[in-house]
Amino acid sequence: MIRYVIEFIFCSGMFYALYKFMLEGRVAHRLSRIYLIGSVLLAIVIPLLELPIYPSHTVWYEFPVISSAEYDVSDAAVGGVVYSHLHWSVILKSVLWVTYGLIVAVQIIGMLRQLWLIVQLRRRSELTFYEVYTLAVNERVRAPFSFWRTIFMNHQYTGREREQVIIHEKSHVQHHHSAEKLMMELVCSVMWFNPFVWLIGSALAEVHEWEADSDVLKEGYDVYEYRQIIFRQLFGYNPDITCGLFSQTSKKRFLMMTKFKKGKLSFMRFGAAIPLVAIMVMAFGTVSAEPKGAMDVGDGAYKSVNVQSDDVPFTDYEELHRWMLT
């Protein structure tokens, strides 16, 4: 288990580093989304793979064949009572699993609570149905947002401002951003111990906003006018410059509106992930191939057993006997 955690963190870290240094802001938003989601799934699956690639190293052990009648496996029983020793590693492992399970449960309960609040908000809103989405108007909505096929906003947005907000949220609906975000929330809840999963989730949320902003500007709206709307969404109708105006997320979002241009080598950059995946699979997803004749019966009362050197759970002759009888 520890080995899987280490390999999972390492794989996700390498995928995230490749995105930051080669793909972020340099490839199409759709390709960025595919890469970020695919990298998380690959980081989860690759350490679980057991592809037989190279031959195993054989270790031969010669020992007498002992029947269960000759060996009293209940020799630890005294007076009908069996005594067992509980090792500290077993206790520690149980504590770690319980702690992990509790944190996962808290994360999932929090996510389900947010979904329940969204459902309740939709029920109490004024609904207008369109072909692609449903508009839910409620004064409790401070800043417009969308979930699945519903766009939430209040009555304060009118005219061109309202049009741009709806186009932005409609883009989220059309590109199925809610499904991707929900999937990442679930992955982060289960894999909460991996910091790179959270970083990839944050990067995916940024790409969602960049893609929606791009769709608004493609409709011909002015960049400066649209930025003012974003200011109001972030800080309210009386923005305070000291409340995060120069946050990294806002700066990158504004830069992407004017400076993002998909390069001619976009697909070649995206293809750089292919050799990285191959390296990860070879490093963490392969095992030694089992040779034929792994078990052979020798002459007399001896048996030759072919055992993988990495799987030998004993260090001396007595432990070998116990292992064979279990």
C-alpha atoms as a PDB file:
ATOM      1  CA  MET A   1       0.000   0.000   0.000  1.00  0.00           C
ATOM      2  CA  ILE A   2       2.803   2.404   0.890  1.00  0.00           C
ATOM      3  CA  ARG A   3       4.480   1.593  -2.400  1.00  0.00           C
ATOM      4  CA  TYR A   4       1.277   2.411  -4.291  1.00  0.00           C
ATOM      5  CA  VAL A   5       0.895   5.757  -2.498  1.00  0.00           C
ATOM      6  CA  ILE A   6       4.479   6.756  -3.296  1.00  0.00           C
ATOM      7  CA  GLU A   7       4.165   5.758  -6.958  1.00  0.00           C
ATOM      8  CA  PHE A   8       0.772   7.483  -7.262  1.00  0.00           C
ATOM      9  CA  ILE A   9       2.119  10.747  -5.836  1.00  0.00           C
ATOM     10  CA  PHE A  10       5.218  10.565  -8.034  1.00  0.00           C
ATOM     11  CA  CYS A  11       3.204   9.913 -11.234  1.00  0.00           C
ATOM     12  CA  SER A  12       0.720  12.711 -10.559  1.00  0.00           C
ATOM     13  CA  GLY A  13       3.589  15.080  -9.717  1.00  0.00           C
ATOM     14  CA  MET A  14       5.343  14.341 -13.005  1.00  0.00           C
ATOM     15  CA  PHE A  15       2.126  14.825 -14.990  1.00  0.00           C
ATOM     16  CA  TYR A  16       1.458  18.133 -13.245  1.00  0.00           C
ATOM     17  CA  ALA A  17       5.019  19.356 -13.859  1.00  0.00           C
ATOM     18  CA  LEU A  18       4.697  18.563 -17.572  1.00  0.00           C
ATOM     19  CA  TYR A  19       1.453  20.538 -17.715  1.00  0.00           C
ATOM     20  CA  LYS A  20       2.918  23.597 -15.969  1.00  0.00           C
ATOM     21  CA  PHE A  21       6.097  23.758 -18.046  1.00  0.00           C
ATOM     22  CA  MET A  22       4.871  22.678 -21.493  1.00  0.00           C
ATOM     23  CA  LEU A  23       1.084  22.795 -21.849  1.00  0.00           C
ATOM     24  CA  GLU A  24      -0.435  25.495 -19.641  1.00  0.00           C
ATOM     25  CA  GLY A  25      -1.567  28.385 -21.829  1.00  0.00           C
ATOM     26  CA  ARG A  26       0.105  26.865 -24.886  1.00  0.00           C
ATOM     27  CA  VAL A  27      -2.437  24.324 -26.132  1.00  0.00           C
ATOM     28  CA  ALA A  28      -6.168  24.471 -26.795  1.00  0.00           C
ATOM     29  CA  HIS A  29      -8.361  24.561 -23.702  1.00  0.00           C
ATOM     30  CA  ARG A  30     -10.033  21.314 -24.727  1.00  0.00           C
ATOM     31  CA  LEU A  31      -6.676  19.557 -24.941  1.00  0.00           C
ATOM     32  CA  SER A  32      -5.712  20.946 -21.530  1.00  0.00           C
ATOM     33  CA  ARG A  33      -8.897  19.536 -20.027  1.00  0.00           C
ATOM     34  CA  ILE A  34      -8.305  16.137 -21.622  1.00  0.00           C
ATOM     35  CA  TYR A  35      -4.735  16.073 -20.362  1.00  0.00           C
ATOM     36  CA  LEU A  36      -5.557  17.096 -16.781  1.00  0.00           C
ATOM     37  CA  ILE A  37      -8.379  14.583 -16.402  1.00  0.00           C
ATOM     38  CA  GLY A  38      -6.447  11.836 -18.157  1.00  0.00           C
ATOM     39  CA  SER A  39      -3.323  12.457 -16.076  1.00  0.00           C
ATOM     40  CA  VAL A  40      -5.238  11.919 -12.821  1.00  0.00           C
ATOM     41  CA  LEU A  41      -6.793   8.694 -14.092  1.00  0.00           C
ATOM     42  CA  LEU A  42      -3.452   7.406 -15.389  1.00  0.00           C
ATOM     43  CA  ALA A  43      -1.709   8.288 -12.119  1.00  0.00           C
ATOM     44  CA  ILE A  44      -4.299   6.171 -10.300  1.00  0.00           C
ATOM     45  CA  VAL A  45      -4.180   3.213 -12.702  1.00  0.00           C
ATOM     46  CA  ILE A  46      -0.474   2.906 -13.589  1.00  0.00           C
ATOM     47  CA  PRO A  47       0.730   1.819 -10.102  1.00  0.00           C
ATOM     48  CA  LEU A  48      -1.987  -0.854 -10.127  1.00  0.00           C
ATOM     49  CA  LEU A  49      -0.788  -2.418 -13.376  1.00  0.00           C
ATOM     50  CA  GLU A  50       1.117  -5.696 -13.355  1.00  0.00           C
ATOM     51  CA  LEU A  51       2.267  -6.137 -16.928  1.00  0.00           C
ATOM     52  CA  PRO A  52       4.685  -9.104 -17.291  1.00  0.00           C
ATOM     53  CA  ILE A  53       7.614  -7.670 -19.215  1.00  0.00           C
ATOM     54  CA  TYR A  54      11.009  -9.014 -18.138  1.00  0.00           C
ATOM     55  CA  PRO A  55      11.953 -12.490 -16.796  1.00  0.00           C
ATOM     56  CA  SER A  56      11.902 -13.042 -13.064  1.00  0.00           C
ATOM     57  CA  HIS A  57      14.860 -13.919 -10.907  1.00  0.00           C
ATOM     58  CA  THR A  58      14.475 -17.483  -9.652  1.00  0.00           C
ATOM     59  CA  VAL A  59      15.451 -18.523  -6.142  1.00  0.00           C
ATOM     60  CA  TRP A  60      15.426 -22.272  -5.392  1.00  0.00           C
ATOM     61  CA  TYR A  61      14.796 -23.659  -1.923  1.00  0.00           C
ATOM     62  CA  GLU A  62      15.219 -27.361  -1.055  1.00  0.00           C
ATOM     63  CA  PHE A  63      13.328 -28.622   2.001  1.00  0.00           C
ATOM     64  CA  PRO A  64      11.606 -31.822   3.168  1.00  0.00           C
ATOM     65  CA  VAL A  65       7.921 -32.281   2.477  1.00  0.00           C
ATOM     66  CA  ILE A  66       6.177 -32.184   5.863  1.00  0.00           C
ATOM     67  CA  SER A  67       2.577 -33.242   6.320  1.00  0.00           C
ATOM     68  CA  SER A  68       0.230 -31.305   8.536  1.00  0.00           C
ATOM     69  CA  ALA A  69      -0.113 -34.376  10.807  1.00  0.00           C
ATOM     70  CA  GLU A  70       3.608 -34.283  11.617  1.00  0.00           C
ATOM     71  CA  TYR A  71       3.541 -30.599  12.491  1.00  0.00           C
ATOM     72  CA  ASP A  72       1.262 -29.415  15.250  1.00  0.00           C
ATOM     73  CA  VAL A  73       0.098 -26.016  14.129  1.00  0.00           C
ATOM     74  CA  SER A  74      -1.722 -25.568  17.419  1.00  0.00           C
ATOM     75  CA  ASP A  75       1.370 -25.885  19.568  1.00  0.00           C
ATOM     76  CA  ALA A  76       0.711 -22.406  20.869  1.00  0.00           C
ATOM     77  CA  ALA A  77      -2.480 -23.640  22.507  1.00  0.00           C
ATOM     78  CA  VAL A  78      -2.243 -24.150  26.236  1.00  0.00           C
ATOM     79  CA  GLY A  79      -5.187 -25.484  28.189  1.00  0.00           C
ATOM     80  CA  GLY A  80      -7.510 -25.043  25.210  1.00  0.00           C
ATOM     81  CA  VAL A  81      -6.652 -21.365  24.934  1.00  0.00           C
ATOM     82  CA  VAL A  82      -4.795 -20.056  21.896  1.00  0.00           C
ATOM     83  CA  TYR A  83      -2.470 -17.161  22.609  1.00  0.00           C
ATOM     84  CA  SER A  84      -1.632 -14.713  19.857  1.00  0.00           C
ATOM     85  CA  HIS A  85       0.673 -11.728  19.838  1.00  0.00           C
ATOM     86  CA  LEU A  86      -0.656  -8.509  18.300  1.00  0.00           C
ATOM     87  CA  HIS A  87       2.190  -6.701  16.624  1.00  0.00           C
ATOM     88  CA  TRP A  88       2.394  -2.912  16.832  1.00  0.00           C
ATOM     89  CA  SER A  89       2.491  -2.661  13.020  1.00  0.00           C
ATOM     90  CA  VAL A  90      -0.981  -4.250  12.848  1.00  0.00           C
ATOM     91  CA  ILE A  91      -2.342  -1.672  15.279  1.00  0.00           C
ATOM     92  CA  LEU A  92      -0.697   1.192  13.388  1.00  0.00           C
ATOM     93  CA  LYS A  93      -2.061  -0.079  10.081  1.00  0.00           C
ATOM     94  CA  SER A  94      -5.583  -0.258  11.525  1.00  0.00           C
ATOM     95  CA  VAL A  95      -5.320   3.274  12.927  1.00  0.00           C
ATOM     96  CA  LEU A  96      -4.131   4.615   9.568  1.00  0.00           C
ATOM     97  CA  TRP A  97      -6.989   2.931   7.695  1.00  0.00           C
ATOM     98  CA  VAL A  98      -9.575   4.255  10.159  1.00  0.00           C
ATOM     99  CA  THR A  99      -8.119   7.786   9.911  1.00  0.00           C
ATOM    100  CA  TYR A 100      -8.106   7.608   6.123  1.00  0.00           C
ATOM    101  CA  GLY A 101     -11.697   6.379   6.046  1.00  0.00           C
ATOM    102  CA  LEU A 102     -12.900   9.124   8.402  1.00  0.00           C
ATOM    103  CA  ILE A 103     -11.301  11.870   6.306  1.00  0.00           C
ATOM    104  CA  VAL A 104     -12.782  10.425   3.111  1.00  0.00           C
ATOM    105  CA  ALA A 105     -16.204  10.259   4.768  1.00  0.00           C
ATOM    106  CA  VAL A 106     -15.976  13.898   5.895  1.00  0.00           C
ATOM    107  CA  GLN A 107     -14.930  14.997   2.398  1.00  0.00           C
ATOM    108  CA  ILE A 108     -17.749  13.111   0.681  1.00  0.00           C
ATOM    109  CA  ILE A 109     -20.348  14.294   3.207  1.00  0.00           C
ATOM    110  CA  GLY A 110     -19.249  17.888   2.565  1.00  0.00           C
ATOM    111  CA  MET A 111     -19.582  17.379  -1.187  1.00  0.00           C
ATOM    112  CA  LEU A 112     -23.035  15.826  -0.798  1.00  0.00           C
ATOM    113  CA  ARG A 113     -24.076  18.745   1.398  1.00  0.00           C
ATOM    114  CA  GLN A 114     -23.085  21.217  -1.311  1.00  0.00           C
ATOM    115  CA  LEU A 115     -25.095  19.259  -3.872  1.00  0.00           C
ATOM    116  CA  TRP A 116     -28.111  19.247  -1.548  1.00  0.00           C
ATOM    117  CA  LEU A 117     -27.872  23.037  -1.068  1.00  0.00           C
ATOM    118  CA  ILE A 118     -27.749  23.537  -4.845  1.00  0.00           C
ATOM    119  CA  VAL A 119     -30.844  21.369  -5.295  1.00  0.00           C
ATOM    120  CA  GLN A 120     -32.687  23.300  -2.585  1.00  0.00           C
ATOM    121  CA  LEU A 121     -31.667  26.627  -4.150  1.00  0.00           C
ATOM    122  CA  ARG A 122     -32.981  25.500  -7.534  1.00  0.00           C
ATOM    123  CA  ARG A 123     -36.329  24.498  -6.032  1.00  0.00           C
ATOM    124  CA  ARG A 124     -36.765  27.954  -4.509  1.00  0.00           C
ATOM    125  CA  SER A 125     -35.750  29.849  -7.645  1.00  0.00           C
ATOM    126  CA  GLU A 126     -37.720  31.315 -10.513  1.00  0.00           C
ATOM    127  CA  LEU A 127     -37.066  28.894 -13.374  1.00  0.00           C
ATOM    128  CA  THR A 128     -37.022  29.678 -17.091  1.00  0.00           C
ATOM    129  CA  PHE A 129     -36.387  26.742 -19.423  1.00  0.00           C
ATOM    130  CA  TYR A 130     -34.351  27.027 -22.618  1.00  0.00           C
ATOM    131  CA  GLU A 131     -33.181  24.400 -25.084  1.00  0.00           C
ATOM    132  CA  VAL A 132     -29.670  23.998 -23.704  1.00  0.00           C
ATOM    133  CA  TYR A 133     -29.996  25.223 -20.107  1.00  0.00           C
ATOM    134  CA  THR A 134     -32.384  26.299 -17.365  1.00  0.00           C
ATOM    135  CA  LEU A 135     -32.130  29.795 -15.897  1.00  0.00           C
ATOM    136  CA  ALA A 136     -32.749  29.906 -12.129  1.00  0.00           C
ATOM    137  CA  VAL A 137     -33.164  33.444 -10.727  1.00  0.00           C
ATOM    138  CA  ASN A 138     -32.905  33.905  -6.979  1.00  0.00           C
ATOM    139  CA  GLU A 139     -31.891  36.931  -4.909  1.00  0.00           C
ATOM    140  CA  ARG A 140     -29.837  34.701  -2.631  1.00  0.00           C
ATOM    141  CA  VAL A 141     -27.332  34.166  -5.455  1.00  0.00           C
ATOM    142  CA  ARG A 142     -24.485  36.634  -4.847  1.00  0.00           C
ATOM    143  CA  ALA A 143     -22.468  35.793  -7.954  1.00  0.00           C
ATOM    144  CA  PRO A 144     -23.685  33.883 -11.026  1.00  0.00           C
ATOM    145  CA  PHE A 145     -22.683  30.259 -11.344  1.00  0.00           C
ATOM    146  CA  SER A 146     -23.826  27.129 -13.146  1.00  0.00           C
ATOM    147  CA  PHE A 147     -24.234  23.501 -12.209  1.00  0.00           C
ATOM    148  CA  TRP A 148     -24.999  20.789 -14.710  1.00  0.00           C
ATOM    149  CA  ARG A 149     -27.667  22.382 -16.992  1.00  0.00           C
ATOM    150  CA  THR A 150     -28.832  25.134 -14.624  1.00  0.00           C
ATOM    151  CA  ILE A 151     -27.536  28.720 -14.563  1.00  0.00           C
ATOM    152  CA  PHE A 152     -28.036  30.568 -11.252  1.00  0.00           C
ATOM    153  CA  MET A 153     -28.126  34.372 -11.046  1.00  0.00           C
ATOM    154  CA  ASN A 154     -30.066  37.259  -9.484  1.00  0.00           C
ATOM    155  CA  HIS A 155     -32.065  40.189 -10.886  1.00  0.00           C
ATOM    156  CA  GLN A 156     -29.196  42.679 -10.589  1.00  0.00           C
ATOM    157  CA  TYR A 157     -27.792  41.736 -13.979  1.00  0.00           C
ATOM    158  CA  THR A 158     -29.510  43.447 -16.908  1.00  0.00           C
ATOM    159  CA  GLY A 159     -28.862  44.338 -20.539  1.00  0.00           C
ATOM    160  CA  ARG A 160     -25.489  43.538 -22.076  1.00  0.00           C
ATOM    161  CA  GLU A 161     -24.097  42.556 -18.698  1.00  0.00           C
ATOM    162  CA  ARG A 162     -26.755  39.886 -18.334  1.00  0.00           C
ATOM    163  CA  GLU A 163     -26.076  38.619 -21.870  1.00  0.00           C
ATOM    164  CA  GLN A 164     -22.361  38.176 -21.203  1.00  0.00           C
ATOM    165  CA  VAL A 165     -22.938  36.436 -17.871  1.00  0.00           C
ATOM    166  CA  ILE A 166     -25.360  33.990 -19.475  1.00  0.00           C
ATOM    167  CA  ILE A 167     -22.967  33.269 -22.364  1.00  0.00           C
ATOM    168  CA  HIS A 168     -20.183  32.589 -19.869  1.00  0.00           C
ATOM    169  CA  GLU A 169     -22.258  30.189 -17.780  1.00  0.00           C
ATOM    170  CA  LYS A 170     -23.811  28.650 -20.883  1.00  0.00           C
ATOM    171  CA  SER A 171     -20.297  27.756 -22.011  1.00  0.00           C
ATOM    172  CA  HIS A 172     -19.779  25.829 -18.767  1.00  0.00           C
ATOM    173  CA  VAL A 173     -23.000  23.929 -19.482  1.00  0.00           C
ATOM    174  CA  GLN A 174     -22.173  23.131 -23.108  1.00  0.00           C
ATOM    175  CA  HIS A 175     -18.653  21.891 -22.308  1.00  0.00           C
ATOM    176  CA  HIS A 176     -19.889  19.720 -19.405  1.00  0.00           C
ATOM    177  CA  HIS A 177     -17.579  21.427 -16.933  1.00  0.00           C
ATOM    178  CA  SER A 178     -19.808  20.461 -13.999  1.00  0.00           C
ATOM    179  CA  ALA A 179     -19.310  16.759 -14.680  1.00  0.00           C
ATOM    180  CA  GLU A 180     -15.528  17.195 -14.851  1.00  0.00           C
ATOM    181  CA  LYS A 181     -15.470  19.267 -11.680  1.00  0.00           C
ATOM    182  CA  LEU A 182     -17.670  16.773  -9.844  1.00  0.00           C
ATOM    183  CA  MET A 183     -15.338  13.949 -10.884  1.00  0.00           C
ATOM    184  CA  MET A 184     -12.304  15.884  -9.637  1.00  0.00           C
ATOM    185  CA  GLU A 185     -14.056  16.646  -6.340  1.00  0.00           C
ATOM    186  CA  LEU A 186     -14.661  12.930  -5.878  1.00  0.00           C
ATOM    187  CA  VAL A 187     -11.041  12.071  -6.722  1.00  0.00           C
ATOM    188  CA  CYS A 188      -9.778  14.733  -4.306  1.00  0.00           C
ATOM    189  CA  SER A 189     -12.064  13.357  -1.593  1.00  0.00           C
ATOM    190  CA  VAL A 190     -10.726   9.819  -1.979  1.00  0.00           C
ATOM    191  CA  MET A 191      -7.090  10.764  -2.755  1.00  0.00           C
ATOM    192  CA  TRP A 192      -6.919  13.686  -0.305  1.00  0.00           C
ATOM    193  CA  PHE A 193      -3.376  12.730   0.788  1.00  0.00           C
ATOM    194  CA  ASN A 194      -1.917  13.593  -2.645  1.00  0.00           C
ATOM    195  CA  PRO A 195      -1.187  17.342  -2.982  1.00  0.00           C
ATOM    196  CA  PHE A 196      -0.762  17.089  -6.751  1.00  0.00           C
ATOM    197  CA  VAL A 197      -4.348  15.911  -7.159  1.00  0.00           C
ATOM    198  CA  TRP A 198      -5.532  19.161  -5.568  1.00  0.00           C
ATOM    199  CA  LEU A 199      -3.180  21.174  -7.797  1.00  0.00           C
ATOM    200  CA  ILE A 200      -4.481  19.418 -10.904  1.00  0.00           C
ATOM    201  CA  GLY A 201      -8.058  20.100  -9.770  1.00  0.00           C
ATOM    202  CA  SER A 202      -7.246  23.788  -9.342  1.00  0.00           C
ATOM    203  CA  ALA A 203      -5.620  23.896 -12.793  1.00  0.00           C
ATOM    204  CA  LEU A 204      -8.707  22.268 -14.307  1.00  0.00           C
ATOM    205  CA  ALA A 205     -10.960  24.908 -12.719  1.00  0.00           C
ATOM    206  CA  GLU A 206      -8.754  27.614 -14.250  1.00  0.00           C
ATOM    207  CA  VAL A 207      -9.038  26.048 -17.700  1.00  0.00           C
ATOM    208  CA  HIS A 208     -12.830  25.964 -17.300  1.00  0.00           C
ATOM    209  CA  GLU A 209     -12.885  29.719 -16.686  1.00  0.00           C
ATOM    210  CA  TRP A 210     -10.481  30.424 -19.551  1.00  0.00           C
ATOM    211  CA  GLU A 211     -12.631  28.424 -21.941  1.00  0.00           C
ATOM    212  CA  ALA A 212     -15.837  30.182 -20.838  1.00  0.00           C
ATOM    213  CA  ASP A 213     -14.157  33.606 -21.096  1.00  0.00           C
ATOM    214  CA  SER A 214     -12.963  32.739 -24.592  1.00  0.00           C
ATOM    215  CA  ASP A 215     -16.494  31.859 -25.687  1.00  0.00           C
ATOM    216  CA  VAL A 216     -17.784  35.228 -24.449  1.00  0.00           C
ATOM    217  CA  LEU A 217     -15.125  37.185 -26.340  1.00  0.00           C
ATOM    218  CA  LYS A 218     -15.777  35.144 -29.496  1.00  0.00           C
ATOM    219  CA  GLU A 219     -19.283  36.631 -29.493  1.00  0.00           C
ATOM    220  CA  GLY A 220     -17.721  40.068 -30.093  1.00  0.00           C
ATOM    221  CA  TYR A 221     -17.997  41.645 -26.631  1.00  0.00           C
ATOM    222  CA  ASP A 222     -15.413  44.171 -25.477  1.00  0.00           C
ATOM    223  CA  VAL A 223     -12.620  42.843 -23.266  1.00  0.00           C
ATOM    224  CA  TYR A 224     -12.606  45.888 -20.963  1.00  0.00           C
ATOM    225  CA  GLU A 225     -16.375  45.725 -20.466  1.00  0.00           C
ATOM    226  CA  TYR A 226     -16.223  42.020 -19.727  1.00  0.00           C
ATOM    227  CA  ARG A 227     -13.437  42.501 -17.182  1.00  0.00           C
ATOM    228  CA  GLN A 228     -15.631  44.954 -15.273  1.00  0.00           C
ATOM    229  CA  ILE A 229     -18.276  42.266 -14.970  1.00  0.00           C
ATOM    230  CA  ILE A 230     -15.678  39.873 -13.555  1.00  0.00           C
ATOM    231  CA  PHE A 231     -14.689  42.537 -11.016  1.00  0.00           C
ATOM    232  CA  ARG A 232     -18.257  42.721  -9.814  1.00  0.00           C
ATOM    233  CA  GLN A 233     -18.508  38.943  -9.552  1.00  0.00           C
ATOM    234  CA  LEU A 234     -15.323  38.732  -7.518  1.00  0.00           C
ATOM    235  CA  PHE A 235     -15.675  41.725  -5.224  1.00  0.00           C
ATOM    236  CA  GLY A 236     -19.280  42.951  -5.392  1.00  0.00           C
ATOM    237  CA  TYR A 237     -20.574  46.240  -6.801  1.00  0.00           C
ATOM    238  CA  ASN A 238     -18.220  48.290  -4.603  1.00  0.00           C
ATOM    239  CA  PRO A 239     -14.910  46.546  -5.188  1.00  0.00           C
ATOM    240  CA  ASP A 240     -12.029  47.029  -2.786  1.00  0.00           C
ATOM    241  CA  ILE A 241      -8.674  46.806  -4.544  1.00  0.00           C
ATOM    242  CA  THR A 242      -7.032  45.296  -1.467  1.00  0.00           C
ATOM    243  CA  CYS A 243      -9.341  42.262  -1.361  1.00  0.00           C
ATOM    244  CA  GLY A 244      -7.449  40.214  -3.943  1.00  0.00           C
ATOM    245  CA  LEU A 245      -7.555  42.213  -7.167  1.00  0.00           C
ATOM    246  CA  PHE A 246      -3.995  41.160  -7.957  1.00  0.00           C
ATOM    247  CA  SER A 247      -4.451  37.517  -7.032  1.00  0.00           C
ATOM    248  CA  GLN A 248      -2.641  35.094  -9.293  1.00  0.00           C
ATOM    249  CA  THR A 249      -5.881  33.558 -10.545  1.00  0.00           C
ATOM    250  CA  SER A 250      -7.310  36.918 -11.643  1.00  0.00           C
ATOM    251  CA  LYS A 251      -4.097  38.009 -13.348  1.00  0.00           C
ATOM    252  CA  LYS A 252      -3.769  34.773 -15.302  1.00  0.00           C
ATOM    253  CA  ARG A 253      -7.421  34.905 -16.248  1.00  0.00           C
ATOM    254  CA  PHE A 254      -7.125  38.446 -17.616  1.00  0.00           C
ATOM    255  CA  LEU A 255      -3.904  37.641 -19.469  1.00  0.00           C
ATOM    256  CA  MET A 256      -5.496  34.649 -21.155  1.00  0.00           C
ATOM    257  CA  MET A 257      -8.231  36.916 -22.563  1.00  0.00           C
ATOM    258  CA  THR A 258      -5.781  38.884 -24.682  1.00  0.00           C
ATOM    259  CA  LYS A 259      -2.554  36.877 -25.011  1.00  0.00           C
ATOM    260  CA  PHE A 260      -3.710  33.295 -25.457  1.00  0.00           C
ATOM    261  CA  LYS A 261      -3.035  32.039 -28.969  1.00  0.00           C
ATOM    262  CA  LYS A 262      -3.012  28.352 -29.755  1.00  0.00           C
ATOM    263  CA  GLY A 263       0.381  27.566 -31.243  1.00  0.00           C
ATOM    264  CA  LYS A 264       1.010  25.605 -34.411  1.00  0.00           C
ATOM    265  CA  LEU A 265       2.832  22.963 -32.380  1.00  0.00           C
ATOM    266  CA  SER A 266      -0.082  22.491 -30.007  1.00  0.00           C
ATOM    267  CA  PHE A 267      -0.577  18.805 -30.798  1.00  0.00           C
ATOM    268  CA  MET A 268       3.175  18.164 -30.661  1.00  0.00           C
ATOM    269  CA  ARG A 269       3.294  19.644 -27.161  1.00  0.00           C
ATOM    270  CA  PHE A 270       0.359  17.478 -26.176  1.00  0.00           C
ATOM    271  CA  GLY A 271       2.161  14.480 -27.647  1.00  0.00           C
ATOM    272  CA  ALA A 272       5.007  15.032 -25.195  1.00  0.00           C
ATOM    273  CA  ALA A 273       2.839  13.258 -22.649  1.00  0.00           C
ATOM    274  CA  ILE A 274       3.081   9.980 -24.597  1.00  0.00           C
ATOM    275  CA  PRO A 275       6.725   9.180 -23.747  1.00  0.00           C
ATOM    276  CA  LEU A 276       6.083  10.259 -20.147  1.00  0.00           C
ATOM    277  CA  VAL A 277       3.218   7.773 -19.890  1.00  0.00           C
ATOM    278  CA  ALA A 278       5.423   5.064 -21.396  1.00  0.00           C
ATOM    279  CA  ILE A 279       8.146   5.766 -18.845  1.00  0.00           C
ATOM    280  CA  MET A 280       5.640   5.632 -15.989  1.00  0.00           C
ATOM    281  CA  VAL A 281       4.205   2.336 -17.200  1.00  0.00           C
ATOM    282  CA  MET A 282       7.670   0.773 -17.534  1.00  0.00           C
ATOM    283  CA  ALA A 283       8.778   2.068 -14.141  1.00  0.00           C
ATOM    284  CA  PHE A 284       5.689   1.333 -12.038  1.00  0.00           C
ATOM    285  CA  GLY A 285       3.303  -0.807 -14.092  1.00  0.00           C
ATOM    286  CA  THR A 286       5.419  -3.824 -14.959  1.00  0.00           C
ATOM    287  CA  VAL A 287       6.357  -6.972 -13.064  1.00  0.00           C
ATOM    288  CA  SER A 288       8.710  -9.853 -13.754  1.00  0.00           C
ATOM    289  CA  ALA A 289       7.282 -12.557 -15.973  1.00  0.00           C
ATOM    290  CA  GLU A 290       6.775 -15.975 -14.356  1.00  0.00           C
ATOM    291  CA  PRO A 291       8.889 -18.625 -16.110  1.00  0.00           C
ATOM    292  CA  LYS A 292       7.479 -22.012 -17.039  1.00  0.00           C
ATOM    293  CA  GLY A 293       8.048 -24.860 -14.601  1.00  0.00           C
ATOM    294  CA  ALA A 294       7.819 -22.677 -11.550  1.00  0.00           C
ATOM    295  CA  MET A 295       7.228 -25.717  -9.352  1.00  0.00           C
ATOM    296  CA  ASP A 296       8.933 -29.015  -9.752  1.00  0.00           C
ATOM    297  CA  VAL A 297       8.946 -32.197  -7.679  1.00  0.00           C
ATOM    298  CA  GLY A 298      12.404 -33.650  -7.085  1.00  0.00           C
ATOM    299  CA  ASP A 299      13.562 -37.148  -6.138  1.00  0.00           C
ATOM    300  CA  GLY A 300      12.895 -38.638  -2.703  1.00  0.00           C
ATOM    301  CA  ALA A 301      11.183 -36.588  -0.028  1.00  0.00           C
ATOM    302  CA  TYR A 302      12.284 -33.188  -1.333  1.00  0.00           C
ATOM    303  CA  LYS A 303      10.414 -30.618  -3.331  1.00  0.00           C
ATOM    304  CA  SER A 304      11.924 -27.763  -5.347  1.00  0.00           C
ATOM    305  CA  VAL A 305       9.838 -24.612  -5.257  1.00  0.00           C
ATOM    306  CA  ASN A 306      10.424 -21.599  -7.479  1.00  0.00           C
ATOM    307  CA  VAL A 307       9.721 -18.475  -5.426  1.00  0.00           C
ATOM    308  CA  GLN A 308       9.949 -14.837  -6.489  1.00  0.00           C
ATOM    309  CA  SER A 309      12.735 -13.237  -4.469  1.00  0.00           C
ATOM    310  CA  ASP A 310      10.599 -10.153  -3.790  1.00  0.00           C
ATOM    311  CA  ASP A 311       7.786 -12.274  -2.383  1.00  0.00           C
ATOM    312  CA  VAL A 312       9.732 -14.430   0.102  1.00  0.00           C
ATOM    313  CA  PRO A 313       8.113 -13.825   3.514  1.00  0.00           C
ATOM    314  CA  PHE A 314      10.710 -15.680   5.605  1.00  0.00           C
ATOM    315  CA  THR A 315      14.316 -15.418   6.667  1.00  0.00           C
ATOM    316  CA  ASP A 316      15.093 -18.801   8.223  1.00  0.00           C
ATOM    317  CA  TYR A 317      14.194 -22.489   7.949  1.00  0.00           C
ATOM    318  CA  GLU A 318      11.486 -22.515  10.634  1.00  0.00           C
ATOM    319  CA  GLU A 319       9.634 -19.585   9.086  1.00  0.00           C
ATOM    320  CA  LEU A 320       9.807 -21.382   5.744  1.00  0.00           C
ATOM    321  CA  HIS A 321       7.990 -24.380   7.257  1.00  0.00           C
ATOM    322  CA  ARG A 322       5.258 -22.211   8.741  1.00  0.00           C
ATOM    323  CA  TRP A 323       4.809 -20.383   5.462  1.00  0.00           C
ATOM    324  CA  MET A 324       4.363 -23.613   3.489  1.00  0.00           C
ATOM    325  CA  LEU A 325       1.783 -24.965   5.931  1.00  0.00           C
ATOM    326  CA  THR A 326      -0.443 -21.854   5.832  1.00  0.00           C
END
